Amino acid sequence: MINELTPFSSGLANIHFSIDEHVLEVIEADGHLIEPVFLKELSIAPGQRYSVRISPPQNGTLFWMQTRV
């Protein structure tokens, strides 16, 4: 569980997830397939689960994954 591993987060706080220079294609929420939603940042509440698809760069460039509370 992300909230327990992040030392400065609260058990009731949302985590905001993003990958630099990428659009997240959310395809599943809490075990249910959904119509794809395209986001720059995904807000995740405690206990929620998402499946996200991204397109990797063709040139092998590295990017940072970001989380914030």
PDB file of N, CA and C in Angstrom:
ATOM      1  N   MET A   1       0.844  -1.170   0.000  1.00  0.00           N
ATOM      2  CA  MET A   1       0.000   0.000   0.000  1.00  0.00           C
ATOM      3  C   MET A   1       0.894   1.239   0.000  1.00  0.00           C
ATOM      4  N   ILE A   2       0.714   2.119  -0.949  1.00  0.00           N
ATOM      5  CA  ILE A   2       1.565   3.305  -1.092  1.00  0.00           C
ATOM      6  C   ILE A   2       1.510   4.179   0.142  1.00  0.00           C
ATOM      7  N   ASN A   3       0.314   4.405   0.705  1.00  0.00           N
ATOM      8  CA  ASN A   3       0.184   5.311   1.842  1.00  0.00           C
ATOM      9  C   ASN A   3       1.028   4.874   3.033  1.00  0.00           C
ATOM     10  N   GLU A   4       1.184   3.584   3.265  1.00  0.00           N
ATOM     11  CA  GLU A   4       1.967   3.112   4.403  1.00  0.00           C
ATOM     12  C   GLU A   4       3.467   3.211   4.139  1.00  0.00           C
ATOM     13  N   LEU A   5       3.865   3.217   2.885  1.00  0.00           N
ATOM     14  CA  LEU A   5       5.284   3.272   2.556  1.00  0.00           C
ATOM     15  C   LEU A   5       5.811   4.700   2.451  1.00  0.00           C
ATOM     16  N   THR A   6       4.934   5.672   2.326  1.00  0.00           N
ATOM     17  CA  THR A   6       5.352   7.064   2.215  1.00  0.00           C
ATOM     18  C   THR A   6       5.345   7.660   3.611  1.00  0.00           C
ATOM     19  N   PRO A   7       6.516   8.023   4.167  1.00  0.00           N
ATOM     20  CA  PRO A   7       6.596   8.419   5.572  1.00  0.00           C
ATOM     21  C   PRO A   7       5.860   9.711   5.907  1.00  0.00           C
ATOM     22  N   PHE A   8       5.616  10.588   4.946  1.00  0.00           N
ATOM     23  CA  PHE A   8       4.994  11.862   5.268  1.00  0.00           C
ATOM     24  C   PHE A   8       3.587  11.961   4.704  1.00  0.00           C
ATOM     25  N   SER A   9       2.920  10.818   4.537  1.00  0.00           N
ATOM     26  CA  SER A   9       1.536  10.844   4.061  1.00  0.00           C
ATOM     27  C   SER A   9       0.600  10.406   5.175  1.00  0.00           C
ATOM     28  N   SER A  10      -0.626  10.802   5.036  1.00  0.00           N
ATOM     29  CA  SER A  10      -1.660  10.410   5.989  1.00  0.00           C
ATOM     30  C   SER A  10      -2.450   9.247   5.422  1.00  0.00           C
ATOM     31  N   GLY A  11      -3.010   8.419   6.284  1.00  0.00           N
ATOM     32  CA  GLY A  11      -3.833   7.312   5.818  1.00  0.00           C
ATOM     33  C   GLY A  11      -5.097   7.773   5.111  1.00  0.00           C
ATOM     34  N   LEU A  12      -5.457   9.040   5.250  1.00  0.00           N
ATOM     35  CA  LEU A  12      -6.664   9.566   4.618  1.00  0.00           C
ATOM     36  C   LEU A  12      -6.352  10.478   3.432  1.00  0.00           C
ATOM     37  N   ALA A  13      -5.106  10.661   3.106  1.00  0.00           N
ATOM     38  CA  ALA A  13      -4.725  11.585   2.036  1.00  0.00           C
ATOM     39  C   ALA A  13      -4.699  10.885   0.682  1.00  0.00           C
ATOM     40  N   ASN A  14      -5.087  11.614  -0.354  1.00  0.00           N
ATOM     41  CA  ASN A  14      -4.946  11.115  -1.718  1.00  0.00           C
ATOM     42  C   ASN A  14      -3.501  11.220  -2.159  1.00  0.00           C
ATOM     43  N   ILE A  15      -3.084  10.288  -2.995  1.00  0.00           N
ATOM     44  CA  ILE A  15      -1.779  10.339  -3.640  1.00  0.00           C
ATOM     45  C   ILE A  15      -2.015  10.789  -5.077  1.00  0.00           C
ATOM     46  N   HIS A  16      -1.206  11.710  -5.553  1.00  0.00           N
ATOM     47  CA  HIS A  16      -1.293  12.185  -6.932  1.00  0.00           C
ATOM     48  C   HIS A  16      -0.096  11.620  -7.686  1.00  0.00           C
ATOM     49  N   PHE A  17      -0.360  10.853  -8.729  1.00  0.00           N
ATOM     50  CA  PHE A  17       0.680  10.130  -9.466  1.00  0.00           C
ATOM     51  C   PHE A  17       0.771  10.656 -10.889  1.00  0.00           C
ATOM     52  N   SER A  18       2.009  10.824 -11.371  1.00  0.00           N
ATOM     53  CA  SER A  18       2.229  11.224 -12.761  1.00  0.00           C
ATOM     54  C   SER A  18       3.589  10.710 -13.215  1.00  0.00           C
ATOM     55  N   ILE A  19       3.780  10.702 -14.512  1.00  0.00           N
ATOM     56  CA  ILE A  19       5.073  10.376 -15.114  1.00  0.00           C
ATOM     57  C   ILE A  19       5.429  11.545 -16.021  1.00  0.00           C
ATOM     58  N   ASP A  20       6.582  12.133 -15.792  1.00  0.00           N
ATOM     59  CA  ASP A  20       6.994  13.301 -16.569  1.00  0.00           C
ATOM     60  C   ASP A  20       6.859  13.050 -18.070  1.00  0.00           C
ATOM     61  N   GLU A  21       6.268  14.029 -18.756  1.00  0.00           N
ATOM     62  CA  GLU A  21       6.142  14.032 -20.219  1.00  0.00           C
ATOM     63  C   GLU A  21       5.337  12.847 -20.766  1.00  0.00           C
ATOM     64  N   HIS A  22       4.416  12.305 -19.956  1.00  0.00           N
ATOM     65  CA  HIS A  22       3.567  11.198 -20.394  1.00  0.00           C
ATOM     66  C   HIS A  22       2.100  11.504 -20.087  1.00  0.00           C
ATOM     67  N   VAL A  23       1.245  10.918 -20.879  1.00  0.00           N
ATOM     68  CA  VAL A  23      -0.189  10.922 -20.611  1.00  0.00           C
ATOM     69  C   VAL A  23      -0.539   9.517 -20.121  1.00  0.00           C
ATOM     70  N   LEU A  24      -1.283   9.459 -19.016  1.00  0.00           N
ATOM     71  CA  LEU A  24      -1.692   8.185 -18.441  1.00  0.00           C
ATOM     72  C   LEU A  24      -3.045   7.792 -19.039  1.00  0.00           C
ATOM     73  N   GLU A  25      -3.141   6.587 -19.565  1.00  0.00           N
ATOM     74  CA  GLU A  25      -4.411   6.075 -20.077  1.00  0.00           C
ATOM     75  C   GLU A  25      -4.968   5.113 -19.028  1.00  0.00           C
ATOM     76  N   VAL A  26      -5.946   5.564 -18.275  1.00  0.00           N
ATOM     77  CA  VAL A  26      -6.551   4.747 -17.222  1.00  0.00           C
ATOM     78  C   VAL A  26      -7.557   3.812 -17.879  1.00  0.00           C
ATOM     79  N   ILE A  27      -7.362   2.488 -17.689  1.00  0.00           N
ATOM     80  CA  ILE A  27      -8.210   1.503 -18.366  1.00  0.00           C
ATOM     81  C   ILE A  27      -8.997   0.619 -17.393  1.00  0.00           C
ATOM     82  N   GLU A  28      -8.671   0.702 -16.092  1.00  0.00           N
ATOM     83  CA  GLU A  28      -9.347  -0.132 -15.107  1.00  0.00           C
ATOM     84  C   GLU A  28      -9.371   0.603 -13.777  1.00  0.00           C
ATOM     85  N   ALA A  29     -10.494   0.504 -13.070  1.00  0.00           N
ATOM     86  CA  ALA A  29     -10.621   1.121 -11.749  1.00  0.00           C
ATOM     87  C   ALA A  29     -11.217   0.097 -10.793  1.00  0.00           C
ATOM     88  N   ASP A  30     -10.505  -0.188  -9.721  1.00  0.00           N
ATOM     89  CA  ASP A  30     -10.947  -1.137  -8.697  1.00  0.00           C
ATOM     90  C   ASP A  30     -11.421  -2.465  -9.286  1.00  0.00           C
ATOM     91  N   GLY A  31     -10.680  -2.987 -10.255  1.00  0.00           N
ATOM     92  CA  GLY A  31     -10.970  -4.297 -10.815  1.00  0.00           C
ATOM     93  C   GLY A  31     -12.017  -4.320 -11.912  1.00  0.00           C
ATOM     94  N   HIS A  32     -12.484  -3.154 -12.342  1.00  0.00           N
ATOM     95  CA  HIS A  32     -13.509  -3.080 -13.389  1.00  0.00           C
ATOM     96  C   HIS A  32     -12.969  -2.324 -14.593  1.00  0.00           C
ATOM     97  N   LEU A  33     -13.103  -2.920 -15.778  1.00  0.00           N
ATOM     98  CA  LEU A  33     -12.701  -2.229 -16.988  1.00  0.00           C
ATOM     99  C   LEU A  33     -13.585  -1.005 -17.183  1.00  0.00           C
ATOM    100  N   ILE A  34     -12.970   0.093 -17.641  1.00  0.00           N
ATOM    101  CA  ILE A  34     -13.703   1.334 -17.882  1.00  0.00           C
ATOM    102  C   ILE A  34     -13.362   1.851 -19.274  1.00  0.00           C
ATOM    103  N   GLU A  35     -14.162   2.792 -19.763  1.00  0.00           N
ATOM    104  CA  GLU A  35     -13.793   3.496 -20.996  1.00  0.00           C
ATOM    105  C   GLU A  35     -12.479   4.219 -20.700  1.00  0.00           C
ATOM    106  N   PRO A  36     -11.499   4.126 -21.578  1.00  0.00           N
ATOM    107  CA  PRO A  36     -10.214   4.786 -21.304  1.00  0.00           C
ATOM    108  C   PRO A  36     -10.363   6.283 -21.039  1.00  0.00           C
ATOM    109  N   VAL A  37      -9.643   6.743 -20.035  1.00  0.00           N
ATOM    110  CA  VAL A  37      -9.595   8.153 -19.661  1.00  0.00           C
ATOM    111  C   VAL A  37      -8.135   8.568 -19.745  1.00  0.00           C
ATOM    112  N   PHE A  38      -7.852   9.708 -20.372  1.00  0.00           N
ATOM    113  CA  PHE A  38      -6.481  10.180 -20.549  1.00  0.00           C
ATOM    114  C   PHE A  38      -6.216  11.334 -19.591  1.00  0.00           C
ATOM    115  N   LEU A  39      -5.174  11.183 -18.756  1.00  0.00           N
ATOM    116  CA  LEU A  39      -4.862  12.166 -17.723  1.00  0.00           C
ATOM    117  C   LEU A  39      -3.363  12.440 -17.676  1.00  0.00           C
ATOM    118  N   LYS A  40      -3.006  13.643 -17.253  1.00  0.00           N
ATOM    119  CA  LYS A  40      -1.595  13.956 -16.967  1.00  0.00           C
ATOM    120  C   LYS A  40      -1.232  13.529 -15.548  1.00  0.00           C
ATOM    121  N   GLU A  41      -2.226  13.516 -14.639  1.00  0.00           N
ATOM    122  CA  GLU A  41      -2.008  13.156 -13.244  1.00  0.00           C
ATOM    123  C   GLU A  41      -3.229  12.390 -12.739  1.00  0.00           C
ATOM    124  N   LEU A  42      -2.983  11.331 -11.973  1.00  0.00           N
ATOM    125  CA  LEU A  42      -4.048  10.492 -11.436  1.00  0.00           C
ATOM    126  C   LEU A  42      -4.105  10.664  -9.921  1.00  0.00           C
ATOM    127  N   SER A  43      -5.274  11.027  -9.404  1.00  0.00           N
ATOM    128  CA  SER A  43      -5.479  11.158  -7.964  1.00  0.00           C
ATOM    129  C   SER A  43      -6.000   9.819  -7.438  1.00  0.00           C
ATOM    130  N   ILE A  44      -5.293   9.242  -6.453  1.00  0.00           N
ATOM    131  CA  ILE A  44      -5.621   7.912  -5.930  1.00  0.00           C
ATOM    132  C   ILE A  44      -5.938   8.026  -4.441  1.00  0.00           C
ATOM    133  N   ALA A  45      -7.159   7.677  -4.080  1.00  0.00           N
ATOM    134  CA  ALA A  45      -7.570   7.682  -2.675  1.00  0.00           C
ATOM    135  C   ALA A  45      -7.139   6.367  -2.026  1.00  0.00           C
ATOM    136  N   PRO A  46      -7.030   6.336  -0.699  1.00  0.00           N
ATOM    137  CA  PRO A  46      -6.647   5.098  -0.016  1.00  0.00           C
ATOM    138  C   PRO A  46      -7.582   3.943  -0.395  1.00  0.00           C
ATOM    139  N   GLY A  47      -6.992   2.799  -0.722  1.00  0.00           N
ATOM    140  CA  GLY A  47      -7.752   1.612  -1.066  1.00  0.00           C
ATOM    141  C   GLY A  47      -8.141   1.509  -2.533  1.00  0.00           C
ATOM    142  N   GLN A  48      -7.953   2.570  -3.317  1.00  0.00           N
ATOM    143  CA  GLN A  48      -8.302   2.512  -4.731  1.00  0.00           C
ATOM    144  C   GLN A  48      -7.172   1.875  -5.531  1.00  0.00           C
ATOM    145  N   ARG A  49      -7.567   1.194  -6.625  1.00  0.00           N
ATOM    146  CA  ARG A  49      -6.595   0.567  -7.519  1.00  0.00           C
ATOM    147  C   ARG A  49      -6.938   0.948  -8.951  1.00  0.00           C
ATOM    148  N   TYR A  50      -5.917   1.233  -9.742  1.00  0.00           N
ATOM    149  CA  TYR A  50      -6.091   1.582 -11.144  1.00  0.00           C
ATOM    150  C   TYR A  50      -5.090   0.824 -11.994  1.00  0.00           C
ATOM    151  N   SER A  51      -5.488   0.523 -13.220  1.00  0.00           N
ATOM    152  CA  SER A  51      -4.555   0.026 -14.230  1.00  0.00           C
ATOM    153  C   SER A  51      -4.361   1.148 -15.230  1.00  0.00           C
ATOM    154  N   VAL A  52      -3.099   1.445 -15.517  1.00  0.00           N
ATOM    155  CA  VAL A  52      -2.759   2.561 -16.389  1.00  0.00           C
ATOM    156  C   VAL A  52      -1.847   2.063 -17.495  1.00  0.00           C
ATOM    157  N   ARG A  53      -2.121   2.510 -18.702  1.00  0.00           N
ATOM    158  CA  ARG A  53      -1.275   2.159 -19.844  1.00  0.00           C
ATOM    159  C   ARG A  53      -0.552   3.425 -20.288  1.00  0.00           C
ATOM    160  N   ILE A  54       0.739   3.281 -20.573  1.00  0.00           N
ATOM    161  CA  ILE A  54       1.522   4.399 -21.100  1.00  0.00           C
ATOM    162  C   ILE A  54       2.237   3.941 -22.364  1.00  0.00           C
ATOM    163  N   SER A  55       2.635   4.889 -23.185  1.00  0.00           N
ATOM    164  CA  SER A  55       3.403   4.582 -24.391  1.00  0.00           C
ATOM    165  C   SER A  55       4.860   4.927 -24.123  1.00  0.00           C
ATOM    166  N   PRO A  56       5.731   3.927 -24.137  1.00  0.00           N
ATOM    167  CA  PRO A  56       7.147   4.207 -23.878  1.00  0.00           C
ATOM    168  C   PRO A  56       7.760   4.985 -25.035  1.00  0.00           C
ATOM    169  N   PRO A  57       8.756   5.819 -24.741  1.00  0.00           N
ATOM    170  CA  PRO A  57       9.415   6.561 -25.815  1.00  0.00           C
ATOM    171  C   PRO A  57      10.205   5.624 -26.721  1.00  0.00           C
ATOM    172  N   GLN A  58      10.295   5.964 -27.978  1.00  0.00           N
ATOM    173  CA  GLN A  58      11.006   5.127 -28.943  1.00  0.00           C
ATOM    174  C   GLN A  58      12.525   5.201 -28.784  1.00  0.00           C
ATOM    175  N   ASN A  59      13.018   6.294 -28.217  1.00  0.00           N
ATOM    176  CA  ASN A  59      14.473   6.480 -28.134  1.00  0.00           C
ATOM    177  C   ASN A  59      15.085   6.001 -26.820  1.00  0.00           C
ATOM    178  N   GLY A  60      14.294   5.382 -25.932  1.00  0.00           N
ATOM    179  CA  GLY A  60      14.834   4.855 -24.679  1.00  0.00           C
ATOM    180  C   GLY A  60      15.100   5.900 -23.619  1.00  0.00           C
ATOM    181  N   THR A  61      14.547   7.107 -23.763  1.00  0.00           N
ATOM    182  CA  THR A  61      14.734   8.170 -22.786  1.00  0.00           C
ATOM    183  C   THR A  61      14.126   7.772 -21.445  1.00  0.00           C
ATOM    184  N   LEU A  62      14.764   8.150 -20.359  1.00  0.00           N
ATOM    185  CA  LEU A  62      14.261   7.874 -19.015  1.00  0.00           C
ATOM    186  C   LEU A  62      13.417   9.038 -18.523  1.00  0.00           C
ATOM    187  N   PHE A  63      12.373   8.742 -17.724  1.00  0.00           N
ATOM    188  CA  PHE A  63      11.496   9.765 -17.181  1.00  0.00           C
ATOM    189  C   PHE A  63      11.251   9.477 -15.707  1.00  0.00           C
ATOM    190  N   TRP A  64      10.992  10.534 -14.949  1.00  0.00           N
ATOM    191  CA  TRP A  64      10.697  10.417 -13.522  1.00  0.00           C
ATOM    192  C   TRP A  64       9.231  10.079 -13.321  1.00  0.00           C
ATOM    193  N   MET A  65       8.950   9.172 -12.362  1.00  0.00           N
ATOM    194  CA  MET A  65       7.595   8.963 -11.863  1.00  0.00           C
ATOM    195  C   MET A  65       7.466   9.855 -10.624  1.00  0.00           C
ATOM    196  N   GLN A  66       6.363  10.589 -10.530  1.00  0.00           N
ATOM    197  CA  GLN A  66       6.172  11.554  -9.451  1.00  0.00           C
ATOM    198  C   GLN A  66       4.975  11.158  -8.596  1.00  0.00           C
ATOM    199  N   THR A  67       5.095  11.298  -7.280  1.00  0.00           N
ATOM    200  CA  THR A  67       3.942  11.174  -6.391  1.00  0.00           C
ATOM    201  C   THR A  67       3.984  12.338  -5.426  1.00  0.00           C
ATOM    202  N   ARG A  68       2.818  12.800  -5.053  1.00  0.00           N
ATOM    203  CA  ARG A  68       2.707  13.845  -4.037  1.00  0.00           C
ATOM    204  C   ARG A  68       1.430  13.636  -3.265  1.00  0.00           C
ATOM    205  N   VAL A  69       1.409  14.141  -2.048  1.00  0.00           N
ATOM    206  CA  VAL A  69       0.239  14.005  -1.183  1.00  0.00           C
ATOM    207  C   VAL A  69      -0.521  15.300  -1.198  1.00  0.00           C
TER     208      VAL A  69
END
